[in-house]
Amino acid sequence: MSVGYSYKLYEQNRAAADDKIGVALGRVCIARDIPVAALSERFGVTRAAIYRWFSGLSDPQPRFVAPITAFLAEIE
């Protein structure tokens, strides 16, 4: 587990559905210790939105799917 994320978020992300793009984003960012603040700035959303995506509590709006997919391809 990354030291930049709470154990609670790590557990929520791990338990969330594999098919959600926000959860996939969370798994990569947690593993690579990419700060939520950087993602928030990049996608123009609040840090709370990023945390909800990571935990599977909400999904990114459709307009974010392509940018998230491109980001994941860029960092993997």
PDB file of N, CA and C in Angstrom:
ATOM      1  N   MET A   1       0.841  -1.184   0.000  1.00  0.00           N
ATOM      2  CA  MET A   1       0.000   0.000   0.000  1.00  0.00           C
ATOM      3  C   MET A   1       0.882   1.242   0.000  1.00  0.00           C
ATOM      4  N   SER A   2       0.429   2.214  -0.720  1.00  0.00           N
ATOM      5  CA  SER A   2       1.147   3.475  -0.818  1.00  0.00           C
ATOM      6  C   SER A   2       1.050   4.245   0.493  1.00  0.00           C
ATOM      7  N   VAL A   3       2.098   4.944   0.832  1.00  0.00           N
ATOM      8  CA  VAL A   3       2.089   5.722   2.069  1.00  0.00           C
ATOM      9  C   VAL A   3       1.308   7.019   1.931  1.00  0.00           C
ATOM     10  N   GLY A   4       0.983   7.457   0.714  1.00  0.00           N
ATOM     11  CA  GLY A   4       0.270   8.708   0.513  1.00  0.00           C
ATOM     12  C   GLY A   4      -1.244   8.589   0.632  1.00  0.00           C
ATOM     13  N   TYR A   5      -1.751   7.395   0.819  1.00  0.00           N
ATOM     14  CA  TYR A   5      -3.190   7.158   0.884  1.00  0.00           C
ATOM     15  C   TYR A   5      -3.536   6.453   2.193  1.00  0.00           C
ATOM     16  N   SER A   6      -4.741   6.697   2.679  1.00  0.00           N
ATOM     17  CA  SER A   6      -5.163   6.057   3.925  1.00  0.00           C
ATOM     18  C   SER A   6      -5.467   4.581   3.699  1.00  0.00           C
ATOM     19  N   TYR A   7      -5.362   3.839   4.757  1.00  0.00           N
ATOM     20  CA  TYR A   7      -5.682   2.418   4.693  1.00  0.00           C
ATOM     21  C   TYR A   7      -7.154   2.235   4.327  1.00  0.00           C
ATOM     22  N   LYS A   8      -8.007   3.104   4.842  1.00  0.00           N
ATOM     23  CA  LYS A   8      -9.444   3.027   4.552  1.00  0.00           C
ATOM     24  C   LYS A   8      -9.697   3.168   3.050  1.00  0.00           C
ATOM     25  N   LEU A   9      -9.077   4.145   2.422  1.00  0.00           N
ATOM     26  CA  LEU A   9      -9.266   4.326   0.981  1.00  0.00           C
ATOM     27  C   LEU A   9      -8.706   3.128   0.216  1.00  0.00           C
ATOM     28  N   TYR A  10      -7.550   2.661   0.642  1.00  0.00           N
ATOM     29  CA  TYR A  10      -6.951   1.486   0.012  1.00  0.00           C
ATOM     30  C   TYR A  10      -7.917   0.304   0.067  1.00  0.00           C
ATOM     31  N   GLU A  11      -8.522   0.067   1.219  1.00  0.00           N
ATOM     32  CA  GLU A  11      -9.459  -1.045   1.378  1.00  0.00           C
ATOM     33  C   GLU A  11     -10.730  -0.837   0.557  1.00  0.00           C
ATOM     34  N   GLN A  12     -11.236   0.385   0.532  1.00  0.00           N
ATOM     35  CA  GLN A  12     -12.428   0.676  -0.273  1.00  0.00           C
ATOM     36  C   GLN A  12     -12.135   0.440  -1.747  1.00  0.00           C
ATOM     37  N   ASN A  13     -10.980   0.879  -2.204  1.00  0.00           N
ATOM     38  CA  ASN A  13     -10.597   0.701  -3.602  1.00  0.00           C
ATOM     39  C   ASN A  13     -10.453  -0.778  -3.935  1.00  0.00           C
ATOM     40  N   ARG A  14      -9.837  -1.510  -3.046  1.00  0.00           N
ATOM     41  CA  ARG A  14      -9.622  -2.938  -3.270  1.00  0.00           C
ATOM     42  C   ARG A  14     -10.938  -3.710  -3.330  1.00  0.00           C
ATOM     43  N   ALA A  15     -11.937  -3.279  -2.546  1.00  0.00           N
ATOM     44  CA  ALA A  15     -13.230  -3.955  -2.496  1.00  0.00           C
ATOM     45  C   ALA A  15     -14.188  -3.512  -3.607  1.00  0.00           C
ATOM     46  N   ALA A  16     -13.868  -2.430  -4.286  1.00  0.00           N
ATOM     47  CA  ALA A  16     -14.770  -1.869  -5.305  1.00  0.00           C
ATOM     48  C   ALA A  16     -14.751  -2.698  -6.588  1.00  0.00           C
ATOM     49  N   ALA A  17     -15.763  -2.503  -7.406  1.00  0.00           N
ATOM     50  CA  ALA A  17     -15.927  -3.241  -8.662  1.00  0.00           C
ATOM     51  C   ALA A  17     -14.778  -2.978  -9.627  1.00  0.00           C
ATOM     52  N   ASP A  18     -14.259  -4.048 -10.191  1.00  0.00           N
ATOM     53  CA  ASP A  18     -13.122  -3.956 -11.109  1.00  0.00           C
ATOM     54  C   ASP A  18     -13.434  -3.215 -12.403  1.00  0.00           C
ATOM     55  N   ASP A  19     -14.700  -3.184 -12.797  1.00  0.00           N
ATOM     56  CA  ASP A  19     -15.045  -2.633 -14.103  1.00  0.00           C
ATOM     57  C   ASP A  19     -15.259  -1.118 -14.110  1.00  0.00           C
ATOM     58  N   LYS A  20     -15.079  -0.468 -12.986  1.00  0.00           N
ATOM     59  CA  LYS A  20     -15.274   0.983 -12.919  1.00  0.00           C
ATOM     60  C   LYS A  20     -13.967   1.699 -13.239  1.00  0.00           C
ATOM     61  N   ILE A  21     -14.039   2.674 -14.127  1.00  0.00           N
ATOM     62  CA  ILE A  21     -12.824   3.386 -14.545  1.00  0.00           C
ATOM     63  C   ILE A  21     -12.211   4.193 -13.398  1.00  0.00           C
ATOM     64  N   GLY A  22     -13.046   4.737 -12.527  1.00  0.00           N
ATOM     65  CA  GLY A  22     -12.520   5.488 -11.386  1.00  0.00           C
ATOM     66  C   GLY A  22     -11.764   4.586 -10.420  1.00  0.00           C
ATOM     67  N   VAL A  23     -12.242   3.371 -10.256  1.00  0.00           N
ATOM     68  CA  VAL A  23     -11.566   2.393  -9.400  1.00  0.00           C
ATOM     69  C   VAL A  23     -10.239   1.993 -10.037  1.00  0.00           C
ATOM     70  N   ALA A  24     -10.247   1.769 -11.342  1.00  0.00           N
ATOM     71  CA  ALA A  24      -9.002   1.440 -12.052  1.00  0.00           C
ATOM     72  C   ALA A  24      -7.992   2.574 -11.913  1.00  0.00           C
ATOM     73  N   LEU A  25      -8.465   3.801 -12.058  1.00  0.00           N
ATOM     74  CA  LEU A  25      -7.601   4.961 -11.863  1.00  0.00           C
ATOM     75  C   LEU A  25      -7.024   4.953 -10.453  1.00  0.00           C
ATOM     76  N   GLY A  26      -7.873   4.684  -9.477  1.00  0.00           N
ATOM     77  CA  GLY A  26      -7.428   4.637  -8.096  1.00  0.00           C
ATOM     78  C   GLY A  26      -6.362   3.586  -7.853  1.00  0.00           C
ATOM     79  N   ARG A  27      -6.538   2.415  -8.425  1.00  0.00           N
ATOM     80  CA  ARG A  27      -5.560   1.339  -8.206  1.00  0.00           C
ATOM     81  C   ARG A  27      -4.188   1.718  -8.741  1.00  0.00           C
ATOM     82  N   VAL A  28      -4.175   2.329  -9.904  1.00  0.00           N
ATOM     83  CA  VAL A  28      -2.895   2.741 -10.485  1.00  0.00           C
ATOM     84  C   VAL A  28      -2.280   3.876  -9.673  1.00  0.00           C
ATOM     85  N   CYS A  29      -3.080   4.854  -9.306  1.00  0.00           N
ATOM     86  CA  CYS A  29      -2.554   6.003  -8.571  1.00  0.00           C
ATOM     87  C   CYS A  29      -2.099   5.637  -7.166  1.00  0.00           C
ATOM     88  N   ILE A  30      -2.827   4.739  -6.507  1.00  0.00           N
ATOM     89  CA  ILE A  30      -2.413   4.291  -5.187  1.00  0.00           C
ATOM     90  C   ILE A  30      -1.090   3.533  -5.297  1.00  0.00           C
ATOM     91  N   ALA A  31      -0.988   2.652  -6.273  1.00  0.00           N
ATOM     92  CA  ALA A  31       0.240   1.865  -6.452  1.00  0.00           C
ATOM     93  C   ALA A  31       1.443   2.742  -6.772  1.00  0.00           C
ATOM     94  N   ARG A  32       1.203   3.826  -7.501  1.00  0.00           N
ATOM     95  CA  ARG A  32       2.311   4.710  -7.913  1.00  0.00           C
ATOM     96  C   ARG A  32       2.444   5.955  -7.054  1.00  0.00           C
ATOM     97  N   ASP A  33       1.600   6.054  -6.050  1.00  0.00           N
ATOM     98  CA  ASP A  33       1.623   7.186  -5.120  1.00  0.00           C
ATOM     99  C   ASP A  33       1.466   8.524  -5.836  1.00  0.00           C
ATOM    100  N   ILE A  34       0.536   8.568  -6.781  1.00  0.00           N
ATOM    101  CA  ILE A  34       0.232   9.810  -7.495  1.00  0.00           C
ATOM    102  C   ILE A  34      -0.744  10.610  -6.633  1.00  0.00           C
ATOM    103  N   PRO A  35      -0.408  11.829  -6.286  1.00  0.00           N
ATOM    104  CA  PRO A  35      -1.236  12.614  -5.371  1.00  0.00           C
ATOM    105  C   PRO A  35      -2.626  12.938  -5.925  1.00  0.00           C
ATOM    106  N   VAL A  36      -3.602  12.854  -5.043  1.00  0.00           N
ATOM    107  CA  VAL A  36      -4.977  13.197  -5.406  1.00  0.00           C
ATOM    108  C   VAL A  36      -5.050  14.652  -5.864  1.00  0.00           C
ATOM    109  N   ALA A  37      -4.286  15.519  -5.243  1.00  0.00           N
ATOM    110  CA  ALA A  37      -4.297  16.941  -5.626  1.00  0.00           C
ATOM    111  C   ALA A  37      -3.877  17.118  -7.085  1.00  0.00           C
ATOM    112  N   ALA A  38      -2.908  16.332  -7.540  1.00  0.00           N
ATOM    113  CA  ALA A  38      -2.469  16.427  -8.936  1.00  0.00           C
ATOM    114  C   ALA A  38      -3.566  15.970  -9.880  1.00  0.00           C
ATOM    115  N   LEU A  39      -4.279  14.909  -9.505  1.00  0.00           N
ATOM    116  CA  LEU A  39      -5.383  14.418 -10.340  1.00  0.00           C
ATOM    117  C   LEU A  39      -6.530  15.420 -10.348  1.00  0.00           C
ATOM    118  N   SER A  40      -6.817  15.975  -9.189  1.00  0.00           N
ATOM    119  CA  SER A  40      -7.874  16.969  -9.074  1.00  0.00           C
ATOM    120  C   SER A  40      -7.614  18.146 -10.001  1.00  0.00           C
ATOM    121  N   GLU A  41      -6.384  18.598 -10.002  1.00  0.00           N
ATOM    122  CA  GLU A  41      -6.002  19.718 -10.871  1.00  0.00           C
ATOM    123  C   GLU A  41      -6.070  19.312 -12.343  1.00  0.00           C
ATOM    124  N   ARG A  42      -5.568  18.144 -12.655  1.00  0.00           N
ATOM    125  CA  ARG A  42      -5.531  17.687 -14.047  1.00  0.00           C
ATOM    126  C   ARG A  42      -6.935  17.558 -14.643  1.00  0.00           C
ATOM    127  N   PHE A  43      -7.867  16.987 -13.864  1.00  0.00           N
ATOM    128  CA  PHE A  43      -9.209  16.740 -14.387  1.00  0.00           C
ATOM    129  C   PHE A  43     -10.211  17.843 -14.053  1.00  0.00           C
ATOM    130  N   GLY A  44      -9.794  18.816 -13.253  1.00  0.00           N
ATOM    131  CA  GLY A  44     -10.671  19.949 -12.934  1.00  0.00           C
ATOM    132  C   GLY A  44     -11.847  19.589 -12.057  1.00  0.00           C
ATOM    133  N   VAL A  45     -11.604  18.679 -11.109  1.00  0.00           N
ATOM    134  CA  VAL A  45     -12.647  18.279 -10.159  1.00  0.00           C
ATOM    135  C   VAL A  45     -12.076  18.400  -8.755  1.00  0.00           C
ATOM    136  N   THR A  46     -12.942  18.269  -7.761  1.00  0.00           N
ATOM    137  CA  THR A  46     -12.485  18.363  -6.379  1.00  0.00           C
ATOM    138  C   THR A  46     -11.741  17.081  -5.977  1.00  0.00           C
ATOM    139  N   ARG A  47     -10.957  17.210  -4.928  1.00  0.00           N
ATOM    140  CA  ARG A  47     -10.292  16.019  -4.387  1.00  0.00           C
ATOM    141  C   ARG A  47     -11.330  15.022  -3.878  1.00  0.00           C
ATOM    142  N   ALA A  48     -12.427  15.529  -3.338  1.00  0.00           N
ATOM    143  CA  ALA A  48     -13.492  14.640  -2.855  1.00  0.00           C
ATOM    144  C   ALA A  48     -14.049  13.789  -4.002  1.00  0.00           C
ATOM    145  N   ALA A  49     -14.184  14.380  -5.178  1.00  0.00           N
ATOM    146  CA  ALA A  49     -14.665  13.621  -6.343  1.00  0.00           C
ATOM    147  C   ALA A  49     -13.696  12.500  -6.683  1.00  0.00           C
ATOM    148  N   ILE A  50     -12.406  12.795  -6.638  1.00  0.00           N
ATOM    149  CA  ILE A  50     -11.393  11.778  -6.931  1.00  0.00           C
ATOM    150  C   ILE A  50     -11.493  10.641  -5.922  1.00  0.00           C
ATOM    151  N   TYR A  51     -11.628  10.971  -4.651  1.00  0.00           N
ATOM    152  CA  TYR A  51     -11.764   9.937  -3.618  1.00  0.00           C
ATOM    153  C   TYR A  51     -13.001   9.078  -3.852  1.00  0.00           C
ATOM    154  N   ARG A  52     -14.112   9.700  -4.263  1.00  0.00           N
ATOM    155  CA  ARG A  52     -15.335   8.925  -4.544  1.00  0.00           C
ATOM    156  C   ARG A  52     -15.127   8.005  -5.736  1.00  0.00           C
ATOM    157  N   TRP A  53     -14.427   8.478  -6.767  1.00  0.00           N
ATOM    158  CA  TRP A  53     -14.125   7.622  -7.922  1.00  0.00           C
ATOM    159  C   TRP A  53     -13.285   6.437  -7.487  1.00  0.00           C
ATOM    160  N   PHE A  54     -12.225   6.706  -6.718  1.00  0.00           N
ATOM    161  CA  PHE A  54     -11.307   5.648  -6.261  1.00  0.00           C
ATOM    162  C   PHE A  54     -12.041   4.580  -5.473  1.00  0.00           C
ATOM    163  N   SER A  55     -12.971   4.995  -4.622  1.00  0.00           N
ATOM    164  CA  SER A  55     -13.663   4.057  -3.742  1.00  0.00           C
ATOM    165  C   SER A  55     -14.849   3.385  -4.413  1.00  0.00           C
ATOM    166  N   GLY A  56     -15.199   3.825  -5.618  1.00  0.00           N
ATOM    167  CA  GLY A  56     -16.335   3.251  -6.329  1.00  0.00           C
ATOM    168  C   GLY A  56     -17.675   3.789  -5.870  1.00  0.00           C
ATOM    169  N   LEU A  57     -17.664   4.826  -5.032  1.00  0.00           N
ATOM    170  CA  LEU A  57     -18.915   5.409  -4.552  1.00  0.00           C
ATOM    171  C   LEU A  57     -19.620   6.219  -5.626  1.00  0.00           C
ATOM    172  N   SER A  58     -18.873   6.708  -6.587  1.00  0.00           N
ATOM    173  CA  SER A  58     -19.461   7.404  -7.732  1.00  0.00           C
ATOM    174  C   SER A  58     -18.571   7.166  -8.948  1.00  0.00           C
ATOM    175  N   ASP A  59     -19.147   7.396 -10.100  1.00  0.00           N
ATOM    176  CA  ASP A  59     -18.412   7.234 -11.354  1.00  0.00           C
ATOM    177  C   ASP A  59     -18.124   8.602 -11.952  1.00  0.00           C
ATOM    178  N   PRO A  60     -17.002   8.727 -12.644  1.00  0.00           N
ATOM    179  CA  PRO A  60     -16.738   9.988 -13.347  1.00  0.00           C
ATOM    180  C   PRO A  60     -17.828  10.257 -14.384  1.00  0.00           C
ATOM    181  N   GLN A  61     -18.124  11.501 -14.601  1.00  0.00           N
ATOM    182  CA  GLN A  61     -19.062  11.860 -15.667  1.00  0.00           C
ATOM    183  C   GLN A  61     -18.497  11.378 -16.996  1.00  0.00           C
ATOM    184  N   PRO A  62     -19.353  11.084 -17.956  1.00  0.00           N
ATOM    185  CA  PRO A  62     -18.882  10.568 -19.250  1.00  0.00           C
ATOM    186  C   PRO A  62     -17.797  11.423 -19.906  1.00  0.00           C
ATOM    187  N   ARG A  63     -17.829  12.730 -19.684  1.00  0.00           N
ATOM    188  CA  ARG A  63     -16.824  13.601 -20.315  1.00  0.00           C
ATOM    189  C   ARG A  63     -15.409  13.349 -19.777  1.00  0.00           C
ATOM    190  N   PHE A  64     -15.293  12.647 -18.647  1.00  0.00           N
ATOM    191  CA  PHE A  64     -13.979  12.355 -18.078  1.00  0.00           C
ATOM    192  C   PHE A  64     -13.412  10.999 -18.507  1.00  0.00           C
ATOM    193  N   VAL A  65     -14.229  10.161 -19.114  1.00  0.00           N
ATOM    194  CA  VAL A  65     -13.782   8.804 -19.451  1.00  0.00           C
ATOM    195  C   VAL A  65     -12.589   8.831 -20.407  1.00  0.00           C
ATOM    196  N   ALA A  66     -12.671   9.586 -21.486  1.00  0.00           N
ATOM    197  CA  ALA A  66     -11.560   9.644 -22.452  1.00  0.00           C
ATOM    198  C   ALA A  66     -10.295  10.233 -21.818  1.00  0.00           C
ATOM    199  N   PRO A  67     -10.375  11.344 -21.079  1.00  0.00           N
ATOM    200  CA  PRO A  67      -9.159  11.862 -20.439  1.00  0.00           C
ATOM    201  C   PRO A  67      -8.547  10.890 -19.411  1.00  0.00           C
ATOM    202  N   ILE A  68      -9.392  10.187 -18.658  1.00  0.00           N
ATOM    203  CA  ILE A  68      -8.880   9.217 -17.693  1.00  0.00           C
ATOM    204  C   ILE A  68      -8.218   8.058 -18.419  1.00  0.00           C
ATOM    205  N   THR A  69      -8.854   7.570 -19.477  1.00  0.00           N
ATOM    206  CA  THR A  69      -8.278   6.475 -20.265  1.00  0.00           C
ATOM    207  C   THR A  69      -6.941   6.881 -20.836  1.00  0.00           C
ATOM    208  N   ALA A  70      -6.835   8.098 -21.363  1.00  0.00           N
ATOM    209  CA  ALA A  70      -5.572   8.589 -21.912  1.00  0.00           C
ATOM    210  C   ALA A  70      -4.514   8.709 -20.816  1.00  0.00           C
ATOM    211  N   PHE A  71      -4.911   9.188 -19.634  1.00  0.00           N
ATOM    212  CA  PHE A  71      -3.978   9.306 -18.522  1.00  0.00           C
ATOM    213  C   PHE A  71      -3.442   7.934 -18.113  1.00  0.00           C
ATOM    214  N   LEU A  72      -4.348   6.957 -18.018  1.00  0.00           N
ATOM    215  CA  LEU A  72      -3.929   5.609 -17.640  1.00  0.00           C
ATOM    216  C   LEU A  72      -2.956   5.021 -18.670  1.00  0.00           C
ATOM    217  N   ALA A  73      -3.232   5.251 -19.944  1.00  0.00           N
ATOM    218  CA  ALA A  73      -2.337   4.754 -20.994  1.00  0.00           C
ATOM    219  C   ALA A  73      -0.971   5.467 -20.916  1.00  0.00           C
ATOM    220  N   GLU A  74      -1.005   6.715 -20.553  1.00  0.00           N
ATOM    221  CA  GLU A  74       0.225   7.529 -20.474  1.00  0.00           C
ATOM    222  C   GLU A  74       1.140   7.055 -19.334  1.00  0.00           C
ATOM    223  N   ILE A  75       0.559   6.670 -18.212  1.00  0.00           N
ATOM    224  CA  ILE A  75       1.385   6.311 -17.052  1.00  0.00           C
ATOM    225  C   ILE A  75       1.681   4.828 -16.931  1.00  0.00           C
ATOM    226  N   GLU A  76       0.998   4.012 -17.706  1.00  0.00           N
ATOM    227  CA  GLU A  76       1.255   2.564 -17.597  1.00  0.00           C
ATOM    228  C   GLU A  76       2.257   2.091 -18.574  1.00  0.00           C
TER     229      GLU A  76
END
